[in-house]
Amino acid sequence: MVQGHNYDAKTDNWAIGVLTYEFLIGKAPFETSSKMQTLNSIKKGEVKFPGNLSIEAKDFIMRLLVLDPATRMPLDEAIRHPFITKYEK
């Protein structure tokens, strides 16, 4: 949306990536000290992860925060991702 793309289900998938990051890390993935830097960070897809985050969590988030909506992980694949399925009984 920052880049003027249409809003569709792929935008929702991006939002799932953002929310997952926020739930696990406690802050927004692109947050910086200024609004302009934050917008630039979003446009570049620059995400930094703390060292204590699992490989599955990082992969899940990064596959949802792909800049190109056409190559972003779809929801039917997201629900089968190891980050999600490792908690199934």
PDB file of N, CA and C in Angstrom:
ATOM      1  N   MET A   1       0.828  -1.185   0.000  1.00  0.00           N
ATOM      2  CA  MET A   1       0.000   0.000   0.000  1.00  0.00           C
ATOM      3  C   MET A   1       0.875   1.253   0.000  1.00  0.00           C
ATOM      4  N   VAL A   2       2.035   1.178   0.635  1.00  0.00           N
ATOM      5  CA  VAL A   2       2.955   2.308   0.656  1.00  0.00           C
ATOM      6  C   VAL A   2       3.412   2.635  -0.758  1.00  0.00           C
ATOM      7  N   GLN A   3       3.541   1.611  -1.582  1.00  0.00           N
ATOM      8  CA  GLN A   3       4.004   1.798  -2.947  1.00  0.00           C
ATOM      9  C   GLN A   3       2.863   1.996  -3.936  1.00  0.00           C
ATOM     10  N   GLY A   4       1.641   2.087  -3.452  1.00  0.00           N
ATOM     11  CA  GLY A   4       0.508   2.350  -4.319  1.00  0.00           C
ATOM     12  C   GLY A   4      -0.106   1.131  -4.967  1.00  0.00           C
ATOM     13  N   HIS A   5       0.230  -0.066  -4.492  1.00  0.00           N
ATOM     14  CA  HIS A   5      -0.368  -1.286  -5.037  1.00  0.00           C
ATOM     15  C   HIS A   5      -1.817  -1.395  -4.565  1.00  0.00           C
ATOM     16  N   ASN A   6      -2.600  -2.137  -5.330  1.00  0.00           N
ATOM     17  CA  ASN A   6      -3.983  -2.376  -4.925  1.00  0.00           C
ATOM     18  C   ASN A   6      -4.021  -3.260  -3.687  1.00  0.00           C
ATOM     19  N   TYR A   7      -5.071  -3.077  -2.898  1.00  0.00           N
ATOM     20  CA  TYR A   7      -5.270  -3.887  -1.701  1.00  0.00           C
ATOM     21  C   TYR A   7      -5.972  -5.173  -2.096  1.00  0.00           C
ATOM     22  N   ASP A   8      -5.383  -6.313  -1.727  1.00  0.00           N
ATOM     23  CA  ASP A   8      -6.006  -7.611  -1.982  1.00  0.00           C
ATOM     24  C   ASP A   8      -5.553  -8.591  -0.907  1.00  0.00           C
ATOM     25  N   ALA A   9      -5.817  -9.855  -1.098  1.00  0.00           N
ATOM     26  CA  ALA A   9      -5.466 -10.877  -0.104  1.00  0.00           C
ATOM     27  C   ALA A   9      -3.959 -10.912   0.156  1.00  0.00           C
ATOM     28  N   LYS A  10      -3.165 -10.591  -0.841  1.00  0.00           N
ATOM     29  CA  LYS A  10      -1.711 -10.595  -0.662  1.00  0.00           C
ATOM     30  C   LYS A  10      -1.277  -9.489   0.304  1.00  0.00           C
ATOM     31  N   THR A  11      -2.055  -8.425   0.364  1.00  0.00           N
ATOM     32  CA  THR A  11      -1.801  -7.370   1.340  1.00  0.00           C
ATOM     33  C   THR A  11      -2.089  -7.900   2.741  1.00  0.00           C
ATOM     34  N   ASP A  12      -3.147  -8.681   2.875  1.00  0.00           N
ATOM     35  CA  ASP A  12      -3.462  -9.294   4.165  1.00  0.00           C
ATOM     36  C   ASP A  12      -2.341 -10.235   4.607  1.00  0.00           C
ATOM     37  N   ASN A  13      -1.745 -10.955   3.666  1.00  0.00           N
ATOM     38  CA  ASN A  13      -0.645 -11.857   3.992  1.00  0.00           C
ATOM     39  C   ASN A  13       0.559 -11.063   4.511  1.00  0.00           C
ATOM     40  N   TRP A  14       0.807  -9.908   3.893  1.00  0.00           N
ATOM     41  CA  TRP A  14       1.863  -9.008   4.377  1.00  0.00           C
ATOM     42  C   TRP A  14       1.554  -8.611   5.826  1.00  0.00           C
ATOM     43  N   ALA A  15       0.309  -8.269   6.086  1.00  0.00           N
ATOM     44  CA  ALA A  15      -0.103  -7.858   7.434  1.00  0.00           C
ATOM     45  C   ALA A  15       0.105  -8.986   8.448  1.00  0.00           C
ATOM     46  N   ILE A  16      -0.118 -10.227   8.038  1.00  0.00           N
ATOM     47  CA  ILE A  16       0.126 -11.361   8.931  1.00  0.00           C
ATOM     48  C   ILE A  16       1.610 -11.416   9.293  1.00  0.00           C
ATOM     49  N   GLY A  17       2.472 -11.156   8.326  1.00  0.00           N
ATOM     50  CA  GLY A  17       3.915 -11.113   8.591  1.00  0.00           C
ATOM     51  C   GLY A  17       4.272 -10.008   9.571  1.00  0.00           C
ATOM     52  N   VAL A  18       3.691  -8.838   9.380  1.00  0.00           N
ATOM     53  CA  VAL A  18       3.944  -7.703  10.274  1.00  0.00           C
ATOM     54  C   VAL A  18       3.456  -8.024  11.684  1.00  0.00           C
ATOM     55  N   LEU A  19       2.242  -8.548  11.785  1.00  0.00           N
ATOM     56  CA  LEU A  19       1.688  -8.862  13.107  1.00  0.00           C
ATOM     57  C   LEU A  19       2.459  -9.979  13.810  1.00  0.00           C
ATOM     58  N   THR A  20       2.886 -10.977  13.063  1.00  0.00           N
ATOM     59  CA  THR A  20       3.670 -12.055  13.661  1.00  0.00           C
ATOM     60  C   THR A  20       4.963 -11.486  14.239  1.00  0.00           C
ATOM     61  N   TYR A  21       5.621 -10.627  13.474  1.00  0.00           N
ATOM     62  CA  TYR A  21       6.842  -9.978  13.954  1.00  0.00           C
ATOM     63  C   TYR A  21       6.549  -9.201  15.234  1.00  0.00           C
ATOM     64  N   GLU A  22       5.483  -8.410  15.214  1.00  0.00           N
ATOM     65  CA  GLU A  22       5.135  -7.592  16.381  1.00  0.00           C
ATOM     66  C   GLU A  22       4.828  -8.448  17.602  1.00  0.00           C
ATOM     67  N   PHE A  23       4.099  -9.540  17.416  1.00  0.00           N
ATOM     68  CA  PHE A  23       3.780 -10.431  18.535  1.00  0.00           C
ATOM     69  C   PHE A  23       5.043 -11.056  19.133  1.00  0.00           C
ATOM     70  N   LEU A  24       5.980 -11.451  18.277  1.00  0.00           N
ATOM     71  CA  LEU A  24       7.179 -12.138  18.746  1.00  0.00           C
ATOM     72  C   LEU A  24       8.265 -11.192  19.257  1.00  0.00           C
ATOM     73  N   ILE A  25       8.396 -10.023  18.650  1.00  0.00           N
ATOM     74  CA  ILE A  25       9.494  -9.109  18.962  1.00  0.00           C
ATOM     75  C   ILE A  25       9.054  -7.966  19.876  1.00  0.00           C
ATOM     76  N   GLY A  26       7.789  -7.564  19.755  1.00  0.00           N
ATOM     77  CA  GLY A  26       7.286  -6.489  20.604  1.00  0.00           C
ATOM     78  C   GLY A  26       7.363  -5.111  19.985  1.00  0.00           C
ATOM     79  N   LYS A  27       7.708  -5.053  18.709  1.00  0.00           N
ATOM     80  CA  LYS A  27       7.701  -3.776  17.985  1.00  0.00           C
ATOM     81  C   LYS A  27       7.502  -4.063  16.501  1.00  0.00           C
ATOM     82  N   ALA A  28       7.221  -3.018  15.749  1.00  0.00           N
ATOM     83  CA  ALA A  28       6.967  -3.171  14.310  1.00  0.00           C
ATOM     84  C   ALA A  28       8.262  -3.511  13.570  1.00  0.00           C
ATOM     85  N   PRO A  29       8.180  -4.313  12.503  1.00  0.00           N
ATOM     86  CA  PRO A  29       9.389  -4.759  11.806  1.00  0.00           C
ATOM     87  C   PRO A  29      10.143  -3.653  11.075  1.00  0.00           C
ATOM     88  N   PHE A  30       9.483  -2.590  10.705  1.00  0.00           N
ATOM     89  CA  PHE A  30      10.135  -1.544   9.927  1.00  0.00           C
ATOM     90  C   PHE A  30      10.300  -0.245  10.705  1.00  0.00           C
ATOM     91  N   GLU A  31      10.021  -0.292  11.987  1.00  0.00           N
ATOM     92  CA  GLU A  31      10.040   0.900  12.824  1.00  0.00           C
ATOM     93  C   GLU A  31      11.433   1.533  12.896  1.00  0.00           C
ATOM     94  N   THR A  32      11.467   2.836  12.666  1.00  0.00           N
ATOM     95  CA  THR A  32      12.707   3.607  12.785  1.00  0.00           C
ATOM     96  C   THR A  32      12.395   4.884  13.565  1.00  0.00           C
ATOM     97  N   SER A  33      13.373   5.762  13.626  1.00  0.00           N
ATOM     98  CA  SER A  33      13.205   6.988  14.411  1.00  0.00           C
ATOM     99  C   SER A  33      12.388   8.063  13.706  1.00  0.00           C
ATOM    100  N   SER A  34      12.147   7.910  12.407  1.00  0.00           N
ATOM    101  CA  SER A  34      11.342   8.920  11.702  1.00  0.00           C
ATOM    102  C   SER A  34      10.386   8.252  10.721  1.00  0.00           C
ATOM    103  N   LYS A  35       9.308   8.939  10.424  1.00  0.00           N
ATOM    104  CA  LYS A  35       8.301   8.404   9.501  1.00  0.00           C
ATOM    105  C   LYS A  35       8.909   8.159   8.117  1.00  0.00           C
ATOM    106  N   MET A  36       9.736   9.078   7.641  1.00  0.00           N
ATOM    107  CA  MET A  36      10.337   8.943   6.309  1.00  0.00           C
ATOM    108  C   MET A  36      11.277   7.736   6.257  1.00  0.00           C
ATOM    109  N   GLN A  37      12.081   7.534   7.288  1.00  0.00           N
ATOM    110  CA  GLN A  37      12.971   6.368   7.335  1.00  0.00           C
ATOM    111  C   GLN A  37      12.164   5.077   7.391  1.00  0.00           C
ATOM    112  N   THR A  38      11.075   5.099   8.140  1.00  0.00           N
ATOM    113  CA  THR A  38      10.216   3.916   8.238  1.00  0.00           C
ATOM    114  C   THR A  38       9.628   3.580   6.872  1.00  0.00           C
ATOM    115  N   LEU A  39       9.120   4.579   6.159  1.00  0.00           N
ATOM    116  CA  LEU A  39       8.574   4.347   4.815  1.00  0.00           C
ATOM    117  C   LEU A  39       9.642   3.797   3.878  1.00  0.00           C
ATOM    118  N   ASN A  40      10.850   4.344   3.954  1.00  0.00           N
ATOM    119  CA  ASN A  40      11.938   3.841   3.114  1.00  0.00           C
ATOM    120  C   ASN A  40      12.306   2.411   3.478  1.00  0.00           C
ATOM    121  N   SER A  41      12.287   2.112   4.755  1.00  0.00           N
ATOM    122  CA  SER A  41      12.583   0.758   5.219  1.00  0.00           C
ATOM    123  C   SER A  41      11.542  -0.229   4.691  1.00  0.00           C
ATOM    124  N   ILE A  42      10.275   0.177   4.720  1.00  0.00           N
ATOM    125  CA  ILE A  42       9.197  -0.669   4.180  1.00  0.00           C
ATOM    126  C   ILE A  42       9.413  -0.892   2.690  1.00  0.00           C
ATOM    127  N   LYS A  43       9.691   0.171   1.954  1.00  0.00           N
ATOM    128  CA  LYS A  43       9.874   0.068   0.502  1.00  0.00           C
ATOM    129  C   LYS A  43      11.044  -0.832   0.126  1.00  0.00           C
ATOM    130  N   LYS A  44      12.067  -0.875   0.970  1.00  0.00           N
ATOM    131  CA  LYS A  44      13.238  -1.712   0.710  1.00  0.00           C
ATOM    132  C   LYS A  44      13.082  -3.119   1.280  1.00  0.00           C
ATOM    133  N   GLY A  45      12.087  -3.314   2.139  1.00  0.00           N
ATOM    134  CA  GLY A  45      11.881  -4.615   2.760  1.00  0.00           C
ATOM    135  C   GLY A  45      12.958  -4.960   3.766  1.00  0.00           C
ATOM    136  N   GLU A  46      13.511  -3.947   4.428  1.00  0.00           N
ATOM    137  CA  GLU A  46      14.584  -4.140   5.397  1.00  0.00           C
ATOM    138  C   GLU A  46      14.016  -4.571   6.749  1.00  0.00           C
ATOM    139  N   VAL A  47      14.234  -5.824   7.103  1.00  0.00           N
ATOM    140  CA  VAL A  47      13.764  -6.354   8.380  1.00  0.00           C
ATOM    141  C   VAL A  47      14.960  -6.894   9.144  1.00  0.00           C
ATOM    142  N   LYS A  48      15.080  -6.488  10.406  1.00  0.00           N
ATOM    143  CA  LYS A  48      16.147  -7.001  11.263  1.00  0.00           C
ATOM    144  C   LYS A  48      15.520  -7.863  12.347  1.00  0.00           C
ATOM    145  N   PHE A  49      16.182  -8.972  12.612  1.00  0.00           N
ATOM    146  CA  PHE A  49      15.681  -9.920  13.607  1.00  0.00           C
ATOM    147  C   PHE A  49      16.661 -10.031  14.767  1.00  0.00           C
ATOM    148  N   PRO A  50      16.126 -10.172  15.973  1.00  0.00           N
ATOM    149  CA  PRO A  50      17.015 -10.458  17.103  1.00  0.00           C
ATOM    150  C   PRO A  50      17.549 -11.878  16.974  1.00  0.00           C
ATOM    151  N   GLY A  51      18.682 -12.133  17.585  1.00  0.00           N
ATOM    152  CA  GLY A  51      19.336 -13.437  17.472  1.00  0.00           C
ATOM    153  C   GLY A  51      18.583 -14.590  18.098  1.00  0.00           C
ATOM    154  N   ASN A  52      17.659 -14.305  19.004  1.00  0.00           N
ATOM    155  CA  ASN A  52      16.986 -15.386  19.710  1.00  0.00           C
ATOM    156  C   ASN A  52      15.715 -15.888  19.027  1.00  0.00           C
ATOM    157  N   LEU A  53      15.404 -15.400  17.852  1.00  0.00           N
ATOM    158  CA  LEU A  53      14.206 -15.831  17.135  1.00  0.00           C
ATOM    159  C   LEU A  53      14.510 -17.118  16.372  1.00  0.00           C
ATOM    160  N   SER A  54      13.576 -18.058  16.381  1.00  0.00           N
ATOM    161  CA  SER A  54      13.812 -19.347  15.717  1.00  0.00           C
ATOM    162  C   SER A  54      13.935 -19.176  14.201  1.00  0.00           C
ATOM    163  N   ILE A  55      14.613 -20.130  13.600  1.00  0.00           N
ATOM    164  CA  ILE A  55      14.776 -20.136  12.139  1.00  0.00           C
ATOM    165  C   ILE A  55      13.414 -20.213  11.462  1.00  0.00           C
ATOM    166  N   GLU A  56      12.507 -21.036  12.019  1.00  0.00           N
ATOM    167  CA  GLU A  56      11.166 -21.175  11.437  1.00  0.00           C
ATOM    168  C   GLU A  56      10.403 -19.851  11.499  1.00  0.00           C
ATOM    169  N   ALA A  57      10.502 -19.143  12.618  1.00  0.00           N
ATOM    170  CA  ALA A  57       9.806 -17.863  12.752  1.00  0.00           C
ATOM    171  C   ALA A  57      10.345 -16.843  11.760  1.00  0.00           C
ATOM    172  N   LYS A  58      11.663 -16.760  11.641  1.00  0.00           N
ATOM    173  CA  LYS A  58      12.280 -15.823  10.685  1.00  0.00           C
ATOM    174  C   LYS A  58      11.826 -16.132   9.258  1.00  0.00           C
ATOM    175  N   ASP A  59      11.868 -17.413   8.897  1.00  0.00           N
ATOM    176  CA  ASP A  59      11.482 -17.813   7.543  1.00  0.00           C
ATOM    177  C   ASP A  59      10.012 -17.490   7.281  1.00  0.00           C
ATOM    178  N   PHE A  60       9.158 -17.794   8.234  1.00  0.00           N
ATOM    179  CA  PHE A  60       7.721 -17.519   8.105  1.00  0.00           C
ATOM    180  C   PHE A  60       7.489 -16.031   7.860  1.00  0.00           C
ATOM    181  N   ILE A  61       8.095 -15.207   8.681  1.00  0.00           N
ATOM    182  CA  ILE A  61       7.912 -13.755   8.557  1.00  0.00           C
ATOM    183  C   ILE A  61       8.479 -13.251   7.236  1.00  0.00           C
ATOM    184  N   MET A  62       9.693 -13.662   6.914  1.00  0.00           N
ATOM    185  CA  MET A  62      10.322 -13.162   5.684  1.00  0.00           C
ATOM    186  C   MET A  62       9.583 -13.600   4.425  1.00  0.00           C
ATOM    187  N   ARG A  63       8.974 -14.767   4.446  1.00  0.00           N
ATOM    188  CA  ARG A  63       8.232 -15.220   3.269  1.00  0.00           C
ATOM    189  C   ARG A  63       6.910 -14.477   3.116  1.00  0.00           C
ATOM    190  N   LEU A  64       6.435 -13.863   4.211  1.00  0.00           N
ATOM    191  CA  LEU A  64       5.236 -13.028   4.143  1.00  0.00           C
ATOM    192  C   LEU A  64       5.581 -11.566   3.849  1.00  0.00           C
ATOM    193  N   LEU A  65       6.758 -11.128   4.228  1.00  0.00           N
ATOM    194  CA  LEU A  65       7.163  -9.739   4.005  1.00  0.00           C
ATOM    195  C   LEU A  65       7.974  -9.570   2.721  1.00  0.00           C
ATOM    196  N   VAL A  66       7.650 -10.363   1.729  1.00  0.00           N
ATOM    197  CA  VAL A  66       8.268 -10.243   0.404  1.00  0.00           C
ATOM    198  C   VAL A  66       7.652  -9.038  -0.300  1.00  0.00           C
ATOM    199  N   LEU A  67       8.499  -8.179  -0.850  1.00  0.00           N
ATOM    200  CA  LEU A  67       8.010  -6.951  -1.479  1.00  0.00           C
ATOM    201  C   LEU A  67       7.094  -7.211  -2.674  1.00  0.00           C
ATOM    202  N   ASP A  68       7.445  -8.180  -3.491  1.00  0.00           N
ATOM    203  CA  ASP A  68       6.643  -8.480  -4.677  1.00  0.00           C
ATOM    204  C   ASP A  68       5.439  -9.341  -4.268  1.00  0.00           C
ATOM    205  N   PRO A  69       4.231  -8.772  -4.325  1.00  0.00           N
ATOM    206  CA  PRO A  69       3.048  -9.522  -3.897  1.00  0.00           C
ATOM    207  C   PRO A  69       2.871 -10.850  -4.643  1.00  0.00           C
ATOM    208  N   ALA A  70       3.319 -10.913  -5.881  1.00  0.00           N
ATOM    209  CA  ALA A  70       3.157 -12.131  -6.678  1.00  0.00           C
ATOM    210  C   ALA A  70       3.993 -13.286  -6.138  1.00  0.00           C
ATOM    211  N   THR A  71       5.061 -12.981  -5.416  1.00  0.00           N
ATOM    212  CA  THR A  71       5.925 -14.040  -4.895  1.00  0.00           C
ATOM    213  C   THR A  71       5.813 -14.185  -3.376  1.00  0.00           C
ATOM    214  N   ARG A  72       4.915 -13.452  -2.770  1.00  0.00           N
ATOM    215  CA  ARG A  72       4.670 -13.534  -1.327  1.00  0.00           C
ATOM    216  C   ARG A  72       3.997 -14.866  -1.007  1.00  0.00           C
ATOM    217  N   MET A  73       4.328 -15.442   0.145  1.00  0.00           N
ATOM    218  CA  MET A  73       3.755 -16.726   0.531  1.00  0.00           C
ATOM    219  C   MET A  73       2.233 -16.628   0.633  1.00  0.00           C
ATOM    220  N   PRO A  74       1.511 -17.500  -0.068  1.00  0.00           N
ATOM    221  CA  PRO A  74       0.045 -17.496   0.025  1.00  0.00           C
ATOM    222  C   PRO A  74      -0.415 -18.125   1.340  1.00  0.00           C
ATOM    223  N   LEU A  75      -1.635 -17.813   1.735  1.00  0.00           N
ATOM    224  CA  LEU A  75      -2.162 -18.269   3.015  1.00  0.00           C
ATOM    225  C   LEU A  75      -2.227 -19.791   3.112  1.00  0.00           C
ATOM    226  N   ASP A  76      -2.605 -20.470   2.025  1.00  0.00           N
ATOM    227  CA  ASP A  76      -2.691 -21.930   2.090  1.00  0.00           C
ATOM    228  C   ASP A  76      -1.324 -22.572   2.328  1.00  0.00           C
ATOM    229  N   GLU A  77      -0.269 -21.904   1.924  1.00  0.00           N
ATOM    230  CA  GLU A  77       1.088 -22.380   2.203  1.00  0.00           C
ATOM    231  C   GLU A  77       1.516 -21.962   3.618  1.00  0.00           C
ATOM    232  N   ALA A  78       1.097 -20.787   4.031  1.00  0.00           N
ATOM    233  CA  ALA A  78       1.460 -20.281   5.366  1.00  0.00           C
ATOM    234  C   ALA A  78       0.950 -21.201   6.468  1.00  0.00           C
ATOM    235  N   ILE A  79      -0.252 -21.725   6.303  1.00  0.00           N
ATOM    236  CA  ILE A  79      -0.809 -22.590   7.354  1.00  0.00           C
ATOM    237  C   ILE A  79      -0.116 -23.954   7.422  1.00  0.00           C
ATOM    238  N   ARG A  80       0.671 -24.280   6.390  1.00  0.00           N
ATOM    239  CA  ARG A  80       1.436 -25.529   6.392  1.00  0.00           C
ATOM    240  C   ARG A  80       2.916 -25.300   6.713  1.00  0.00           C
ATOM    241  N   HIS A  81       3.278 -24.057   6.979  1.00  0.00           N
ATOM    242  CA  HIS A  81       4.676 -23.720   7.258  1.00  0.00           C
ATOM    243  C   HIS A  81       5.112 -24.353   8.590  1.00  0.00           C
ATOM    244  N   PRO A  82       6.362 -24.807   8.699  1.00  0.00           N
ATOM    245  CA  PRO A  82       6.841 -25.425   9.940  1.00  0.00           C
ATOM    246  C   PRO A  82       6.674 -24.551  11.192  1.00  0.00           C
ATOM    247  N   PHE A  83       6.729 -23.238  11.047  1.00  0.00           N
ATOM    248  CA  PHE A  83       6.514 -22.364  12.198  1.00  0.00           C
ATOM    249  C   PHE A  83       5.121 -22.573  12.786  1.00  0.00           C
ATOM    250  N   ILE A  84       4.152 -22.877  11.943  1.00  0.00           N
ATOM    251  CA  ILE A  84       2.767 -23.113  12.387  1.00  0.00           C
ATOM    252  C   ILE A  84       2.570 -24.578  12.776  1.00  0.00           C
ATOM    253  N   THR A  85       3.022 -25.490  11.942  1.00  0.00           N
ATOM    254  CA  THR A  85       2.726 -26.907  12.162  1.00  0.00           C
ATOM    255  C   THR A  85       3.508 -27.524  13.302  1.00  0.00           C
ATOM    256  N   LYS A  86       4.614 -26.922  13.702  1.00  0.00           N
ATOM    257  CA  LYS A  86       5.387 -27.523  14.789  1.00  0.00           C
ATOM    258  C   LYS A  86       4.632 -27.490  16.117  1.00  0.00           C
ATOM    259  N   TYR A  87       3.563 -26.715  16.189  1.00  0.00           N
ATOM    260  CA  TYR A  87       2.772 -26.635  17.412  1.00  0.00           C
ATOM    261  C   TYR A  87       1.530 -27.523  17.385  1.00  0.00           C
ATOM    262  N   GLU A  88       1.331 -28.236  16.280  1.00  0.00           N
ATOM    263  CA  GLU A  88       0.191 -29.148  16.205  1.00  0.00           C
ATOM    264  C   GLU A  88       0.459 -30.367  17.064  1.00  0.00           C
ATOM    265  N   LYS A  89      -0.590 -30.926  17.603  1.00  0.00           N
ATOM    266  CA  LYS A  89      -0.437 -32.130  18.425  1.00  0.00           C
ATOM    267  C   LYS A  89      -0.743 -33.362  17.628  1.00  0.00           C
TER     268      LYS A  89
END
